[in-house]
């Protein structure tokens, strides 16, 4: 979600012409960024719990969390 996605930082590392193209491209995306955010939210939810559980078991062996 602009401006929080960091996409605008790319313009600092390229020429002015390319930075303008990047800015135009980001404006043309519009709602696609929101769709991407929702997709990541759904995927991350399924991945987070198993990874979090493994990390907790590695850090605190013998302790349970959420069973």
PDB file of N, CA and C in Angstrom:
ATOM      1  N   UNK A   1       0.847  -1.176   0.000  1.00  0.00           N
ATOM      2  CA  UNK A   1       0.000   0.000   0.000  1.00  0.00           C
ATOM      3  C   UNK A   1       0.890   1.235   0.000  1.00  0.00           C
ATOM      4  N   UNK A   2       0.881   1.936  -1.078  1.00  0.00           N
ATOM      5  CA  UNK A   2       1.681   3.154  -1.128  1.00  0.00           C
ATOM      6  C   UNK A   2       1.229   4.128  -0.057  1.00  0.00           C
ATOM      7  N   UNK A   3       2.050   4.856   0.547  1.00  0.00           N
ATOM      8  CA  UNK A   3       3.501   4.947   0.400  1.00  0.00           C
ATOM      9  C   UNK A   3       4.249   3.997   1.325  1.00  0.00           C
ATOM     10  N   UNK A   4       3.566   3.096   1.984  1.00  0.00           N
ATOM     11  CA  UNK A   4       4.201   2.242   2.987  1.00  0.00           C
ATOM     12  C   UNK A   4       4.892   1.012   2.415  1.00  0.00           C
ATOM     13  N   UNK A   5       4.758   0.750   1.126  1.00  0.00           N
ATOM     14  CA  UNK A   5       5.337  -0.462   0.558  1.00  0.00           C
ATOM     15  C   UNK A   5       6.798  -0.319   0.176  1.00  0.00           C
ATOM     16  N   UNK A   6       7.347   0.896   0.179  1.00  0.00           N
ATOM     17  CA  UNK A   6       8.753   1.095  -0.136  1.00  0.00           C
ATOM     18  C   UNK A   6       9.071   1.118  -1.615  1.00  0.00           C
ATOM     19  N   UNK A   7       8.067   1.039  -2.461  1.00  0.00           N
ATOM     20  CA  UNK A   7       8.266   1.007  -3.904  1.00  0.00           C
ATOM     21  C   UNK A   7       8.932   2.287  -4.405  1.00  0.00           C
ATOM     22  N   UNK A   8       8.632   3.414  -3.789  1.00  0.00           N
ATOM     23  CA  UNK A   8       9.179   4.700  -4.231  1.00  0.00           C
ATOM     24  C   UNK A   8      10.671   4.837  -4.004  1.00  0.00           C
ATOM     25  N   UNK A   9      11.251   4.001  -3.174  1.00  0.00           N
ATOM     26  CA  UNK A   9      12.685   4.073  -2.895  1.00  0.00           C
ATOM     27  C   UNK A   9      13.499   3.709  -4.132  1.00  0.00           C
ATOM     28  N   UNK A  10      12.937   2.909  -5.014  1.00  0.00           N
ATOM     29  CA  UNK A  10      13.656   2.526  -6.225  1.00  0.00           C
ATOM     30  C   UNK A  10      14.112   3.746  -7.024  1.00  0.00           C
ATOM     31  N   UNK A  11      13.316   4.798  -7.023  1.00  0.00           N
ATOM     32  CA  UNK A  11      13.642   6.000  -7.776  1.00  0.00           C
ATOM     33  C   UNK A  11      14.907   6.688  -7.308  1.00  0.00           C
ATOM     34  N   UNK A  12      15.345   6.421  -6.100  1.00  0.00           N
ATOM     35  CA  UNK A  12      16.571   7.032  -5.587  1.00  0.00           C
ATOM     36  C   UNK A  12      17.830   6.422  -6.201  1.00  0.00           C
ATOM     37  N   UNK A  13      17.727   5.232  -6.718  1.00  0.00           N
ATOM     38  CA  UNK A  13      18.900   4.499  -7.189  1.00  0.00           C
ATOM     39  C   UNK A  13      19.021   4.418  -8.712  1.00  0.00           C
ATOM     40  N   UNK A  14      18.110   5.086  -9.430  1.00  0.00           N
ATOM     41  CA  UNK A  14      18.142   5.038 -10.895  1.00  0.00           C
ATOM     42  C   UNK A  14      18.126   6.460 -11.444  1.00  0.00           C
ATOM     43  N   UNK A  15      18.261   6.576 -12.762  1.00  0.00           N
ATOM     44  CA  UNK A  15      18.252   7.900 -13.388  1.00  0.00           C
ATOM     45  C   UNK A  15      16.863   8.526 -13.291  1.00  0.00           C
ATOM     46  N   UNK A  16      16.802   9.817 -13.575  1.00  0.00           N
ATOM     47  CA  UNK A  16      15.535  10.543 -13.447  1.00  0.00           C
ATOM     48  C   UNK A  16      14.468  10.004 -14.400  1.00  0.00           C
ATOM     49  N   UNK A  17      14.866   9.664 -15.613  1.00  0.00           N
ATOM     50  CA  UNK A  17      13.911   9.129 -16.589  1.00  0.00           C
ATOM     51  C   UNK A  17      13.296   7.812 -16.142  1.00  0.00           C
ATOM     52  N   UNK A  18      14.139   6.947 -15.653  1.00  0.00           N
ATOM     53  CA  UNK A  18      13.646   5.648 -15.173  1.00  0.00           C
ATOM     54  C   UNK A  18      12.797   5.842 -13.924  1.00  0.00           C
ATOM     55  N   UNK A  19      13.182   6.776 -13.063  1.00  0.00           N
ATOM     56  CA  UNK A  19      12.389   7.050 -11.862  1.00  0.00           C
ATOM     57  C   UNK A  19      10.988   7.525 -12.229  1.00  0.00           C
ATOM     58  N   UNK A  20      10.888   8.341 -13.269  1.00  0.00           N
ATOM     59  CA  UNK A  20       9.552   8.793 -13.724  1.00  0.00           C
ATOM     60  C   UNK A  20       8.732   7.635 -14.269  1.00  0.00           C
ATOM     61  N   UNK A  21       9.389   6.719 -14.995  1.00  0.00           N
ATOM     62  CA  UNK A  21       8.670   5.540 -15.505  1.00  0.00           C
ATOM     63  C   UNK A  21       8.167   4.667 -14.355  1.00  0.00           C
ATOM     64  N   UNK A  22       9.003   4.509 -13.345  1.00  0.00           N
ATOM     65  CA  UNK A  22       8.607   3.716 -12.175  1.00  0.00           C
ATOM     66  C   UNK A  22       7.408   4.365 -11.495  1.00  0.00           C
ATOM     67  N   UNK A  23       7.436   5.686 -11.367  1.00  0.00           N
ATOM     68  CA  UNK A  23       6.329   6.399 -10.726  1.00  0.00           C
ATOM     69  C   UNK A  23       5.042   6.247 -11.536  1.00  0.00           C
ATOM     70  N   UNK A  24       5.142   6.357 -12.848  1.00  0.00           N
ATOM     71  CA  UNK A  24       3.967   6.182 -13.709  1.00  0.00           C
ATOM     72  C   UNK A  24       3.438   4.750 -13.601  1.00  0.00           C
ATOM     73  N   UNK A  25       4.345   3.802 -13.592  1.00  0.00           N
ATOM     74  CA  UNK A  25       3.948   2.397 -13.481  1.00  0.00           C
ATOM     75  C   UNK A  25       3.232   2.129 -12.163  1.00  0.00           C
ATOM     76  N   UNK A  26       3.753   2.695 -11.072  1.00  0.00           N
ATOM     77  CA  UNK A  26       3.131   2.452  -9.769  1.00  0.00           C
ATOM     78  C   UNK A  26       1.739   3.065  -9.692  1.00  0.00           C
ATOM     79  N   UNK A  27       1.533   4.183 -10.354  1.00  0.00           N
ATOM     80  CA  UNK A  27       0.187   4.790 -10.384  1.00  0.00           C
ATOM     81  C   UNK A  27      -0.783   3.947 -11.191  1.00  0.00           C
ATOM     82  N   UNK A  28      -0.280   3.316 -12.263  1.00  0.00           N
ATOM     83  CA  UNK A  28      -1.166   2.528 -13.124  1.00  0.00           C
ATOM     84  C   UNK A  28      -1.598   1.223 -12.463  1.00  0.00           C
ATOM     85  N   UNK A  29      -0.853   0.759 -11.452  1.00  0.00           N
ATOM     86  CA  UNK A  29      -1.214  -0.494 -10.786  1.00  0.00           C
ATOM     87  C   UNK A  29      -2.512  -0.376 -10.001  1.00  0.00           C
ATOM     88  N   UNK A  30      -2.720   0.753  -9.360  1.00  0.00           N
ATOM     89  CA  UNK A  30      -3.965   0.996  -8.641  1.00  0.00           C
ATOM     90  C   UNK A  30      -4.313  -0.073  -7.632  1.00  0.00           C
ATOM     91  N   UNK A  31      -5.415  -0.779  -7.858  1.00  0.00           N
ATOM     92  CA  UNK A  31      -5.939  -1.754  -6.915  1.00  0.00           C
ATOM     93  C   UNK A  31      -5.155  -3.045  -6.820  1.00  0.00           C
ATOM     94  N   UNK A  32      -4.209  -3.262  -7.722  1.00  0.00           N
ATOM     95  CA  UNK A  32      -3.443  -4.502  -7.668  1.00  0.00           C
ATOM     96  C   UNK A  32      -2.633  -4.614  -6.385  1.00  0.00           C
ATOM     97  N   UNK A  33      -2.209  -3.492  -5.852  1.00  0.00           N
ATOM     98  CA  UNK A  33      -1.444  -3.557  -4.608  1.00  0.00           C
ATOM     99  C   UNK A  33      -2.326  -4.057  -3.466  1.00  0.00           C
ATOM    100  N   UNK A  34      -3.586  -3.674  -3.449  1.00  0.00           N
ATOM    101  CA  UNK A  34      -4.496  -4.146  -2.409  1.00  0.00           C
ATOM    102  C   UNK A  34      -4.770  -5.636  -2.579  1.00  0.00           C
ATOM    103  N   UNK A  35      -4.900  -6.096  -3.802  1.00  0.00           N
ATOM    104  CA  UNK A  35      -5.109  -7.519  -4.057  1.00  0.00           C
ATOM    105  C   UNK A  35      -3.892  -8.312  -3.582  1.00  0.00           C
ATOM    106  N   UNK A  36      -2.705  -7.796  -3.874  1.00  0.00           N
ATOM    107  CA  UNK A  36      -1.481  -8.450  -3.423  1.00  0.00           C
ATOM    108  C   UNK A  36      -1.400  -8.506  -1.914  1.00  0.00           C
ATOM    109  N   UNK A  37      -1.793  -7.431  -1.262  1.00  0.00           N
ATOM    110  CA  UNK A  37      -1.778  -7.386   0.199  1.00  0.00           C
ATOM    111  C   UNK A  37      -2.719  -8.437   0.781  1.00  0.00           C
ATOM    112  N   UNK A  38      -3.904  -8.568   0.212  1.00  0.00           N
ATOM    113  CA  UNK A  38      -4.856  -9.573   0.695  1.00  0.00           C
ATOM    114  C   UNK A  38      -4.347 -10.994   0.463  1.00  0.00           C
ATOM    115  N   UNK A  39      -3.713 -11.233  -0.695  1.00  0.00           N
ATOM    116  CA  UNK A  39      -3.155 -12.552  -0.971  1.00  0.00           C
ATOM    117  C   UNK A  39      -2.059 -12.909   0.021  1.00  0.00           C
ATOM    118  N   UNK A  40      -1.158 -11.978   0.264  1.00  0.00           N
ATOM    119  CA  UNK A  40      -0.072 -12.234   1.205  1.00  0.00           C
ATOM    120  C   UNK A  40      -0.626 -12.473   2.599  1.00  0.00           C
ATOM    121  N   UNK A  41      -1.638 -11.749   2.964  1.00  0.00           N
ATOM    122  CA  UNK A  41      -2.259 -11.910   4.276  1.00  0.00           C
ATOM    123  C   UNK A  41      -2.790 -13.331   4.446  1.00  0.00           C
ATOM    124  N   UNK A  42      -3.443 -13.848   3.407  1.00  0.00           N
ATOM    125  CA  UNK A  42      -3.996 -15.198   3.469  1.00  0.00           C
ATOM    126  C   UNK A  42      -2.897 -16.259   3.509  1.00  0.00           C
ATOM    127  N   UNK A  43      -1.864 -16.102   2.697  1.00  0.00           N
ATOM    128  CA  UNK A  43      -0.773 -17.075   2.647  1.00  0.00           C
ATOM    129  C   UNK A  43       0.029 -17.039   3.940  1.00  0.00           C
ATOM    130  N   UNK A  44       0.326 -15.847   4.437  1.00  0.00           N
ATOM    131  CA  UNK A  44       1.132 -15.702   5.640  1.00  0.00           C
ATOM    132  C   UNK A  44       0.436 -16.323   6.846  1.00  0.00           C
ATOM    133  N   UNK A  45      -0.871 -16.215   6.905  1.00  0.00           N
ATOM    134  CA  UNK A  45      -1.615 -16.798   8.016  1.00  0.00           C
ATOM    135  C   UNK A  45      -1.421 -18.299   8.114  1.00  0.00           C
ATOM    136  N   UNK A  46      -1.377 -18.987   6.987  1.00  0.00           N
ATOM    137  CA  UNK A  46      -1.182 -20.435   6.978  1.00  0.00           C
ATOM    138  C   UNK A  46       0.241 -20.861   7.273  1.00  0.00           C
ATOM    139  N   UNK A  47       1.195 -20.002   6.970  1.00  0.00           N
ATOM    140  CA  UNK A  47       2.604 -20.325   7.167  1.00  0.00           C
ATOM    141  C   UNK A  47       3.071 -19.943   8.565  1.00  0.00           C
ATOM    142  N   UNK A  48       2.512 -18.895   9.134  1.00  0.00           N
ATOM    143  CA  UNK A  48       3.020 -18.338  10.388  1.00  0.00           C
ATOM    144  C   UNK A  48       2.939 -19.318  11.550  1.00  0.00           C
ATOM    145  N   UNK A  49       1.810 -19.958  11.763  1.00  0.00           N
ATOM    146  CA  UNK A  49       1.637 -20.812  12.943  1.00  0.00           C
ATOM    147  C   UNK A  49       2.642 -21.962  13.002  1.00  0.00           C
ATOM    148  N   UNK A  50       2.835 -22.739  11.931  1.00  0.00           N
ATOM    149  CA  UNK A  50       3.824 -23.822  12.025  1.00  0.00           C
ATOM    150  C   UNK A  50       5.248 -23.309  12.263  1.00  0.00           C
ATOM    151  N   UNK A  51       5.626 -22.230  11.591  1.00  0.00           N
ATOM    152  CA  UNK A  51       6.976 -21.684  11.770  1.00  0.00           C
ATOM    153  C   UNK A  51       7.149 -21.157  13.189  1.00  0.00           C
ATOM    154  N   UNK A  52       6.150 -20.483  13.696  1.00  0.00           N
ATOM    155  CA  UNK A  52       6.193 -19.938  15.048  1.00  0.00           C
ATOM    156  C   UNK A  52       6.292 -21.072  16.074  1.00  0.00           C
ATOM    157  N   UNK A  53       5.540 -22.139  15.874  1.00  0.00           N
ATOM    158  CA  UNK A  53       5.572 -23.279  16.793  1.00  0.00           C
ATOM    159  C   UNK A  53       6.938 -23.952  16.804  1.00  0.00           C
ATOM    160  N   UNK A  54       7.532 -24.126  15.636  1.00  0.00           N
ATOM    161  CA  UNK A  54       8.868 -24.734  15.545  1.00  0.00           C
ATOM    162  C   UNK A  54       9.894 -23.861  16.253  1.00  0.00           C
ATOM    163  N   UNK A  55       9.809 -22.555  16.035  1.00  0.00           N
ATOM    164  CA  UNK A  55      10.750 -21.634  16.680  1.00  0.00           C
ATOM    165  C   UNK A  55      10.602 -21.680  18.198  1.00  0.00           C
ATOM    166  N   UNK A  56       9.375 -21.714  18.682  1.00  0.00           N
ATOM    167  CA  UNK A  56       9.169 -21.780  20.128  1.00  0.00           C
ATOM    168  C   UNK A  56       9.691 -23.079  20.716  1.00  0.00           C
ATOM    169  N   UNK A  57       9.452 -24.203  20.024  1.00  0.00           N
ATOM    170  CA  UNK A  57       9.959 -25.481  20.513  1.00  0.00           C
ATOM    171  C   UNK A  57      11.483 -25.508  20.529  1.00  0.00           C
ATOM    172  N   UNK A  58      12.113 -24.839  19.552  1.00  0.00           N
ATOM    173  CA  UNK A  58      13.575 -24.797  19.517  1.00  0.00           C
ATOM    174  C   UNK A  58      14.120 -23.916  20.640  1.00  0.00           C
ATOM    175  N   UNK A  59      13.448 -22.823  20.921  1.00  0.00           N
ATOM    176  CA  UNK A  59      13.915 -21.902  21.956  1.00  0.00           C
ATOM    177  C   UNK A  59      13.564 -22.371  23.358  1.00  0.00           C
ATOM    178  N   UNK A  60      12.384 -22.991  23.507  1.00  0.00           N
ATOM    179  CA  UNK A  60      11.910 -23.405  24.826  1.00  0.00           C
ATOM    180  C   UNK A  60      11.461 -24.863  24.780  1.00  0.00           C
ATOM    181  N   UNK A  61      12.417 -25.801  24.747  1.00  0.00           N
ATOM    182  CA  UNK A  61      12.044 -27.221  24.669  1.00  0.00           C
ATOM    183  C   UNK A  61      11.251 -27.642  25.914  1.00  0.00           C
ATOM    184  N   UNK A  62      10.250 -28.451  25.693  1.00  0.00           N
ATOM    185  CA  UNK A  62       9.443 -28.956  26.791  1.00  0.00           C
ATOM    186  C   UNK A  62       8.268 -28.065  27.157  1.00  0.00           C
ATOM    187  N   UNK A  63       8.194 -26.888  26.610  1.00  0.00           N
ATOM    188  CA  UNK A  63       7.083 -25.978  26.893  1.00  0.00           C
ATOM    189  C   UNK A  63       6.058 -26.085  25.767  1.00  0.00           C
ATOM    190  N   UNK A  64       4.799 -25.997  26.095  1.00  0.00           N
ATOM    191  CA  UNK A  64       3.751 -26.049  25.088  1.00  0.00           C
ATOM    192  C   UNK A  64       3.243 -24.652  24.771  1.00  0.00           C
ATOM    193  N   UNK A  65       2.732 -24.507  23.589  1.00  0.00           N
ATOM    194  CA  UNK A  65       2.132 -23.245  23.191  1.00  0.00           C
ATOM    195  C   UNK A  65       0.890 -23.525  22.362  1.00  0.00           C
ATOM    196  N   UNK A  66      -0.244 -23.149  22.828  1.00  0.00           N
ATOM    197  CA  UNK A  66      -1.466 -23.191  22.045  1.00  0.00           C
ATOM    198  C   UNK A  66      -2.012 -24.550  21.702  1.00  0.00           C
ATOM    199  N   UNK A  67      -1.341 -25.602  21.835  1.00  0.00           N
ATOM    200  CA  UNK A  67      -1.737 -26.964  21.492  1.00  0.00           C
ATOM    201  C   UNK A  67      -2.936 -26.981  20.627  1.00  0.00           C
TER     202      UNK A  67
END
